[in-house]
Amino acid sequence: MYENCPSSYKRRYVTKEAVPVGEIDPSSPRGRGLRLHNEIENYLNGEQSLSHEMLRFREFLDALLEHDTQPEVQWSFDREWNEVPFEDKENGMLRGILDCITRRSHVVEVYEWKTGREYPDHASQRVLYGLAALLLHPGVDKCIVTTLYLDSGNKPLTELTRDQMMSYKWIWERKVNQCQPPQPYHMRPNWKCKFCDFSRRNGGKCPN
C-alpha cells in the first residue's frame, strides 16, 4: 500500500482514518474476487460445492485436500521475527493471510488466488508469503509459493529455501522502515485509486 500510495498508507496505518462502511457490489471486480475466495475456502473446508465457474479447478483443489491443507492462515511477526498474535497490532511488524498452505514432507506450499490481471507486485507478495511460511514451519527446508490466476489459469511460482531467509528478512525490514513516520506521505494518484477505500468515489476523504 505504501509503495502504491503513501497517503493511503498513512490514512490506514498512521492516522487510522475510519474506512467507509458500505456494501460491496457483488457484480464488481472486487465483489467477484471476494466471492471466489470465499468459495474456495468453503470448498477446502468441506462446507460448499464448487460453482460452475470454478469447476475447472476441482481436480486441482481435490489434490490439495489429499495433504495437510489449511485455507486462510493468519500470521504476524514482530521486529525480531518472532510470531505474535494476529490481533497484536502494537508489536506486529508484518502480518497477512495465506489463502492456502499445504505441507508435503520437507516442502511447504502456499497458494494465492487472484482474479483479474497479473501485476509485478504479486511476485513481491510471493516472496513475503514464502518467508512467512518458512518461519511458521521451522522444520521445512523449502517453500513454493504459487499465484493461481482464476481467470487465465496461469500459475507463476517462486521457490524459497531456508538459507535465503536472511536476505529476504533484510529486504522486508527495509520496506517496513521506509514506511515509518515522520514523513509527508504524499498522494500518488494512479489507476488503483478506484479500488482504494479512502478514495472519493468509494466514500472516502481522499480527493482522488
C-alpha atoms as a PDB file:
ATOM      1  CA  MET A   1       0.000   0.000   0.000  1.00  0.00           C
ATOM      2  CA  TYR A   2       2.831   2.403   0.865  1.00  0.00           C
ATOM      3  CA  GLU A   3       4.612   1.793  -2.441  1.00  0.00           C
ATOM      4  CA  ASN A   4       1.365   2.308  -4.323  1.00  0.00           C
ATOM      5  CA  CYS A   5       0.279   5.464  -2.450  1.00  0.00           C
ATOM      6  CA  PRO A   6       1.950   6.774   0.755  1.00  0.00           C
ATOM      7  CA  SER A   7      -1.135   8.862   1.559  1.00  0.00           C
ATOM      8  CA  SER A   8      -3.380   5.795   1.542  1.00  0.00           C
ATOM      9  CA  TYR A   9      -0.937   4.001   3.860  1.00  0.00           C
ATOM     10  CA  LYS A  10      -0.958   6.974   6.243  1.00  0.00           C
ATOM     11  CA  ARG A  11      -4.753   7.021   6.382  1.00  0.00           C
ATOM     12  CA  ARG A  12      -4.974   3.331   7.251  1.00  0.00           C
ATOM     13  CA  TYR A  13      -1.953   2.741   9.498  1.00  0.00           C
ATOM     14  CA  VAL A  14      -0.747   6.099  10.872  1.00  0.00           C
ATOM     15  CA  THR A  15      -3.780   8.331  11.406  1.00  0.00           C
ATOM     16  CA  LYS A  16      -6.065   5.262  11.283  1.00  0.00           C
ATOM     17  CA  GLU A  17      -8.830   7.009   9.405  1.00  0.00           C
ATOM     18  CA  ALA A  18     -12.155   5.212   9.517  1.00  0.00           C
ATOM     19  CA  VAL A  19     -12.915   3.177   6.429  1.00  0.00           C
ATOM     20  CA  PRO A  20     -16.318   3.969   4.893  1.00  0.00           C
ATOM     21  CA  VAL A  21     -18.710   1.121   5.581  1.00  0.00           C
ATOM     22  CA  GLY A  22     -20.871   0.053   2.696  1.00  0.00           C
ATOM     23  CA  GLU A  23     -21.986  -2.993   0.799  1.00  0.00           C
ATOM     24  CA  ILE A  24     -19.665  -4.276  -1.903  1.00  0.00           C
ATOM     25  CA  ASP A  25     -21.369  -4.693  -5.255  1.00  0.00           C
ATOM     26  CA  PRO A  26     -21.201  -8.476  -5.905  1.00  0.00           C
ATOM     27  CA  SER A  27     -21.005  -7.803  -9.641  1.00  0.00           C
ATOM     28  CA  SER A  28     -17.929  -5.541  -9.263  1.00  0.00           C
ATOM     29  CA  PRO A  29     -14.403  -6.947  -9.750  1.00  0.00           C
ATOM     30  CA  ARG A  30     -13.816  -6.646  -6.005  1.00  0.00           C
ATOM     31  CA  GLY A  31     -17.086  -8.343  -5.160  1.00  0.00           C
ATOM     32  CA  ARG A  32     -16.370 -11.190  -7.564  1.00  0.00           C
ATOM     33  CA  GLY A  33     -12.887 -11.654  -6.128  1.00  0.00           C
ATOM     34  CA  LEU A  34     -14.258 -11.903  -2.581  1.00  0.00           C
ATOM     35  CA  ARG A  35     -16.928 -14.364  -3.677  1.00  0.00           C
ATOM     36  CA  LEU A  36     -14.454 -16.704  -5.377  1.00  0.00           C
ATOM     37  CA  HIS A  37     -12.025 -16.511  -2.429  1.00  0.00           C
ATOM     38  CA  ASN A  38     -14.837 -17.467  -0.056  1.00  0.00           C
ATOM     39  CA  GLU A  39     -15.971 -20.259  -2.351  1.00  0.00           C
ATOM     40  CA  ILE A  40     -12.511 -21.851  -2.437  1.00  0.00           C
ATOM     41  CA  GLU A  41     -12.137 -21.510   1.336  1.00  0.00           C
ATOM     42  CA  ASN A  42     -15.503 -23.145   1.937  1.00  0.00           C
ATOM     43  CA  TYR A  43     -14.738 -25.955  -0.530  1.00  0.00           C
ATOM     44  CA  LEU A  44     -11.407 -26.746   1.137  1.00  0.00           C
ATOM     45  CA  ASN A  45     -13.221 -26.778   4.492  1.00  0.00           C
ATOM     46  CA  GLY A  46     -15.808 -29.208   3.110  1.00  0.00           C
ATOM     47  CA  GLU A  47     -18.636 -26.705   3.523  1.00  0.00           C
ATOM     48  CA  GLN A  48     -19.588 -25.908  -0.076  1.00  0.00           C
ATOM     49  CA  SER A  49     -19.591 -27.406  -3.551  1.00  0.00           C
ATOM     50  CA  LEU A  50     -17.977 -25.560  -6.451  1.00  0.00           C
ATOM     51  CA  SER A  51     -19.943 -23.269  -8.726  1.00  0.00           C
ATOM     52  CA  HIS A  52     -19.933 -23.791 -12.472  1.00  0.00           C
ATOM     53  CA  GLU A  53     -17.358 -21.003 -12.767  1.00  0.00           C
ATOM     54  CA  MET A  54     -14.906 -22.885 -10.544  1.00  0.00           C
ATOM     55  CA  LEU A  55     -15.468 -26.487 -11.691  1.00  0.00           C
ATOM     56  CA  ARG A  56     -12.361 -26.451 -13.879  1.00  0.00           C
ATOM     57  CA  PHE A  57     -10.241 -26.182 -10.715  1.00  0.00           C
ATOM     58  CA  ARG A  58     -11.901 -29.085  -8.880  1.00  0.00           C
ATOM     59  CA  GLU A  59      -9.186 -31.637  -9.695  1.00  0.00           C
ATOM     60  CA  PHE A  60      -6.508 -29.188  -8.563  1.00  0.00           C
ATOM     61  CA  LEU A  61      -8.301 -28.382  -5.292  1.00  0.00           C
ATOM     62  CA  ASP A  62      -9.063 -32.043  -4.614  1.00  0.00           C
ATOM     63  CA  ALA A  63      -5.340 -32.805  -4.933  1.00  0.00           C
ATOM     64  CA  LEU A  64      -4.628 -30.234  -2.222  1.00  0.00           C
ATOM     65  CA  LEU A  65      -7.096 -31.973   0.074  1.00  0.00           C
ATOM     66  CA  GLU A  66      -5.024 -35.153  -0.108  1.00  0.00           C
ATOM     67  CA  HIS A  67      -2.405 -33.424   2.059  1.00  0.00           C
ATOM     68  CA  ASP A  68      -2.334 -31.357   5.244  1.00  0.00           C
ATOM     69  CA  THR A  69      -4.040 -28.281   3.782  1.00  0.00           C
ATOM     70  CA  GLN A  70      -5.344 -25.186   5.578  1.00  0.00           C
ATOM     71  CA  PRO A  71      -7.107 -22.220   3.969  1.00  0.00           C
ATOM     72  CA  GLU A  72      -6.945 -18.636   5.226  1.00  0.00           C
ATOM     73  CA  VAL A  73      -3.955 -18.931   7.579  1.00  0.00           C
ATOM     74  CA  GLN A  74      -3.269 -15.746   9.556  1.00  0.00           C
ATOM     75  CA  TRP A  75       0.291 -14.797  10.539  1.00  0.00           C
ATOM     76  CA  SER A  76       2.092 -11.912  12.228  1.00  0.00           C
ATOM     77  CA  PHE A  77       5.731 -11.305  13.237  1.00  0.00           C
ATOM     78  CA  ASP A  78       7.413  -8.692  15.390  1.00  0.00           C
ATOM     79  CA  ARG A  79      10.677  -6.859  14.607  1.00  0.00           C
ATOM     80  CA  GLU A  80      12.710  -9.812  15.855  1.00  0.00           C
ATOM     81  CA  TRP A  81      10.767 -12.126  13.503  1.00  0.00           C
ATOM     82  CA  ASN A  82       9.037 -13.851  16.402  1.00  0.00           C
ATOM     83  CA  GLU A  83       5.453 -14.912  15.836  1.00  0.00           C
ATOM     84  CA  VAL A  84       2.902 -12.765  17.674  1.00  0.00           C
ATOM     85  CA  PRO A  85      -0.901 -12.933  17.752  1.00  0.00           C
ATOM     86  CA  PHE A  86      -2.521 -11.676  14.555  1.00  0.00           C
ATOM     87  CA  GLU A  87      -4.545  -9.170  16.580  1.00  0.00           C
ATOM     88  CA  ASP A  88      -1.422  -7.676  18.235  1.00  0.00           C
ATOM     89  CA  LYS A  89      -1.135  -4.519  16.145  1.00  0.00           C
ATOM     90  CA  GLU A  90       1.214  -2.849  18.620  1.00  0.00           C
ATOM     91  CA  ASN A  91       4.018  -5.410  18.345  1.00  0.00           C
ATOM     92  CA  GLY A  92       3.307  -6.867  14.921  1.00  0.00           C
ATOM     93  CA  MET A  93       5.736  -5.607  12.259  1.00  0.00           C
ATOM     94  CA  LEU A  94       4.319  -7.617   9.361  1.00  0.00           C
ATOM     95  CA  ARG A  95       1.133  -9.592   9.099  1.00  0.00           C
ATOM     96  CA  GLY A  96      -1.010 -11.167   6.440  1.00  0.00           C
ATOM     97  CA  ILE A  97      -3.260 -14.055   5.478  1.00  0.00           C
ATOM     98  CA  LEU A  98      -2.210 -17.005   3.311  1.00  0.00           C
ATOM     99  CA  ASP A  99      -5.073 -18.067   1.052  1.00  0.00           C
ATOM    100  CA  CYS A 100      -3.938 -21.684   1.345  1.00  0.00           C
ATOM    101  CA  ILE A 101      -0.975 -23.572   2.779  1.00  0.00           C
ATOM    102  CA  THR A 102      -0.181 -27.274   2.479  1.00  0.00           C
ATOM    103  CA  ARG A 103       2.646 -29.438   3.834  1.00  0.00           C
ATOM    104  CA  ARG A 104       4.314 -32.201   1.840  1.00  0.00           C
ATOM    105  CA  SER A 105       7.285 -33.849   3.588  1.00  0.00           C
ATOM    106  CA  HIS A 106      10.068 -31.207   3.828  1.00  0.00           C
ATOM    107  CA  VAL A 107       8.341 -28.786   1.464  1.00  0.00           C
ATOM    108  CA  VAL A 108       5.572 -26.356   2.340  1.00  0.00           C
ATOM    109  CA  GLU A 109       3.420 -24.931  -0.444  1.00  0.00           C
ATOM    110  CA  VAL A 110       1.483 -21.668  -0.374  1.00  0.00           C
ATOM    111  CA  TYR A 111      -1.244 -20.714  -2.848  1.00  0.00           C
ATOM    112  CA  GLU A 112      -2.697 -17.294  -3.518  1.00  0.00           C
ATOM    113  CA  TRP A 113      -5.924 -16.892  -5.517  1.00  0.00           C
ATOM    114  CA  LYS A 114      -6.136 -13.886  -7.821  1.00  0.00           C
ATOM    115  CA  THR A 115      -8.851 -12.616 -10.138  1.00  0.00           C
ATOM    116  CA  GLY A 116      -8.100 -10.165 -12.906  1.00  0.00           C
ATOM    117  CA  ARG A 117      -4.721  -9.356 -14.389  1.00  0.00           C
ATOM    118  CA  GLU A 118      -1.186 -10.243 -13.335  1.00  0.00           C
ATOM    119  CA  TYR A 119       0.864  -7.441 -11.750  1.00  0.00           C
ATOM    120  CA  PRO A 120       4.582  -7.182 -10.861  1.00  0.00           C
ATOM    121  CA  ASP A 121       3.897  -6.677  -7.145  1.00  0.00           C
ATOM    122  CA  HIS A 122       2.409 -10.174  -6.963  1.00  0.00           C
ATOM    123  CA  ALA A 123       5.962 -11.551  -7.251  1.00  0.00           C
ATOM    124  CA  SER A 124       6.985  -9.476  -4.221  1.00  0.00           C
ATOM    125  CA  GLN A 125       3.999 -10.844  -2.327  1.00  0.00           C
ATOM    126  CA  ARG A 126       5.093 -14.400  -3.135  1.00  0.00           C
ATOM    127  CA  VAL A 127       8.499 -13.723  -1.552  1.00  0.00           C
ATOM    128  CA  LEU A 128       6.948 -12.340   1.629  1.00  0.00           C
ATOM    129  CA  TYR A 129       4.436 -15.176   1.947  1.00  0.00           C
ATOM    130  CA  GLY A 130       7.160 -17.754   1.342  1.00  0.00           C
ATOM    131  CA  LEU A 131       9.230 -16.190   4.097  1.00  0.00           C
ATOM    132  CA  ALA A 132       6.225 -16.272   6.425  1.00  0.00           C
ATOM    133  CA  ALA A 133       5.560 -19.935   5.636  1.00  0.00           C
ATOM    134  CA  LEU A 134       9.175 -20.916   6.382  1.00  0.00           C
ATOM    135  CA  LEU A 135       9.006 -19.067   9.707  1.00  0.00           C
ATOM    136  CA  LEU A 136       5.744 -20.828  10.566  1.00  0.00           C
ATOM    137  CA  HIS A 137       7.262 -24.231   9.705  1.00  0.00           C
ATOM    138  CA  PRO A 138      10.817 -24.304  11.157  1.00  0.00           C
ATOM    139  CA  GLY A 139      11.334 -27.954  10.155  1.00  0.00           C
ATOM    140  CA  VAL A 140      10.819 -27.274   6.452  1.00  0.00           C
ATOM    141  CA  ASP A 141      13.719 -26.680   4.059  1.00  0.00           C
ATOM    142  CA  LYS A 142      11.884 -25.147   1.104  1.00  0.00           C
ATOM    143  CA  CYS A 143       8.713 -23.242   0.314  1.00  0.00           C
ATOM    144  CA  ILE A 144       6.993 -22.972  -3.058  1.00  0.00           C
ATOM    145  CA  VAL A 145       4.541 -20.083  -3.442  1.00  0.00           C
ATOM    146  CA  THR A 146       2.134 -20.199  -6.374  1.00  0.00           C
ATOM    147  CA  THR A 147      -0.227 -17.488  -7.554  1.00  0.00           C
ATOM    148  CA  LEU A 148      -3.222 -19.051  -9.276  1.00  0.00           C
ATOM    149  CA  TYR A 149      -4.948 -16.598 -11.603  1.00  0.00           C
ATOM    150  CA  LEU A 150      -8.528 -17.794 -11.674  1.00  0.00           C
ATOM    151  CA  ASP A 151      -9.330 -16.119 -14.991  1.00  0.00           C
ATOM    152  CA  SER A 152      -6.335 -17.147 -17.090  1.00  0.00           C
ATOM    153  CA  GLY A 153      -5.369 -20.295 -15.192  1.00  0.00           C
ATOM    154  CA  ASN A 154      -1.729 -19.175 -15.104  1.00  0.00           C
ATOM    155  CA  LYS A 155       0.321 -20.382 -12.118  1.00  0.00           C
ATOM    156  CA  PRO A 156       3.598 -18.459 -11.728  1.00  0.00           C
ATOM    157  CA  LEU A 157       5.583 -19.610  -8.728  1.00  0.00           C
ATOM    158  CA  THR A 158       8.509 -18.602  -6.541  1.00  0.00           C
ATOM    159  CA  GLU A 159      10.743 -21.019  -4.625  1.00  0.00           C
ATOM    160  CA  LEU A 160      12.459 -20.015  -1.384  1.00  0.00           C
ATOM    161  CA  THR A 161      14.945 -22.031   0.636  1.00  0.00           C
ATOM    162  CA  ARG A 162      15.797 -21.613   4.283  1.00  0.00           C
ATOM    163  CA  ASP A 163      19.329 -20.393   3.557  1.00  0.00           C
ATOM    164  CA  GLN A 164      17.832 -17.417   1.662  1.00  0.00           C
ATOM    165  CA  MET A 165      15.824 -16.204   4.633  1.00  0.00           C
ATOM    166  CA  MET A 166      18.342 -13.676   5.971  1.00  0.00           C
ATOM    167  CA  SER A 167      18.405 -11.801   2.662  1.00  0.00           C
ATOM    168  CA  TYR A 168      14.632 -11.688   2.433  1.00  0.00           C
ATOM    169  CA  LYS A 169      14.307 -10.601   6.061  1.00  0.00           C
ATOM    170  CA  TRP A 170      16.623  -7.660   5.330  1.00  0.00           C
ATOM    171  CA  ILE A 171      14.562  -6.677   2.265  1.00  0.00           C
ATOM    172  CA  TRP A 172      11.318  -6.590   4.231  1.00  0.00           C
ATOM    173  CA  GLU A 173      12.830  -4.874   7.252  1.00  0.00           C
ATOM    174  CA  ARG A 174      13.966  -2.142   4.857  1.00  0.00           C
ATOM    175  CA  LYS A 175      10.476  -1.875   3.342  1.00  0.00           C
ATOM    176  CA  VAL A 176       8.936  -1.520   6.804  1.00  0.00           C
ATOM    177  CA  ASN A 177      11.444   1.164   7.804  1.00  0.00           C
ATOM    178  CA  GLN A 178      10.639   3.177   4.673  1.00  0.00           C
ATOM    179  CA  CYS A 179       7.007   3.416   5.784  1.00  0.00           C
ATOM    180  CA  GLN A 180       7.645   4.864   9.230  1.00  0.00           C
ATOM    181  CA  PRO A 181       6.826   8.454  10.283  1.00  0.00           C
ATOM    182  CA  PRO A 182       7.680  11.260  10.287  1.00  0.00           C
ATOM    183  CA  GLN A 183       7.371  11.919   6.566  1.00  0.00           C
ATOM    184  CA  PRO A 184       4.946  13.775   4.279  1.00  0.00           C
ATOM    185  CA  TYR A 185       3.137  10.701   2.886  1.00  0.00           C
ATOM    186  CA  HIS A 186       2.384  12.323  -0.463  1.00  0.00           C
ATOM    187  CA  MET A 187      -0.612  11.312  -2.566  1.00  0.00           C
ATOM    188  CA  ARG A 188       0.264   9.275  -5.611  1.00  0.00           C
ATOM    189  CA  PRO A 189      -2.850   9.194  -7.847  1.00  0.00           C
ATOM    190  CA  ASN A 190      -2.962   6.185 -10.160  1.00  0.00           C
ATOM    191  CA  TRP A 191      -5.382   3.705 -11.680  1.00  0.00           C
ATOM    192  CA  LYS A 192      -5.606   1.771  -8.388  1.00  0.00           C
ATOM    193  CA  CYS A 193      -7.465   4.696  -6.789  1.00  0.00           C
ATOM    194  CA  LYS A 194     -10.735   3.126  -7.948  1.00  0.00           C
ATOM    195  CA  PHE A 195     -10.064   0.217  -5.576  1.00  0.00           C
ATOM    196  CA  CYS A 196      -8.968   2.356  -2.606  1.00  0.00           C
ATOM    197  CA  ASP A 197     -11.263   2.509   0.446  1.00  0.00           C
ATOM    198  CA  PHE A 198     -10.246   6.143   1.025  1.00  0.00           C
ATOM    199  CA  SER A 199     -10.916   7.475  -2.477  1.00  0.00           C
ATOM    200  CA  ARG A 200     -13.743   9.941  -3.027  1.00  0.00           C
ATOM    201  CA  ARG A 201     -15.523   7.574  -5.405  1.00  0.00           C
ATOM    202  CA  ASN A 202     -15.718   4.964  -2.637  1.00  0.00           C
ATOM    203  CA  GLY A 203     -16.958   7.409   0.007  1.00  0.00           C
ATOM    204  CA  GLY A 204     -13.576   8.289   1.495  1.00  0.00           C
ATOM    205  CA  LYS A 205     -11.966  11.677   2.214  1.00  0.00           C
ATOM    206  CA  CYS A 206      -9.168  11.468  -0.356  1.00  0.00           C
ATOM    207  CA  PRO A 207      -9.920  13.791  -3.328  1.00  0.00           C
ATOM    208  CA  ASN A 208      -8.666  11.258  -5.886  1.00  0.00           C
END
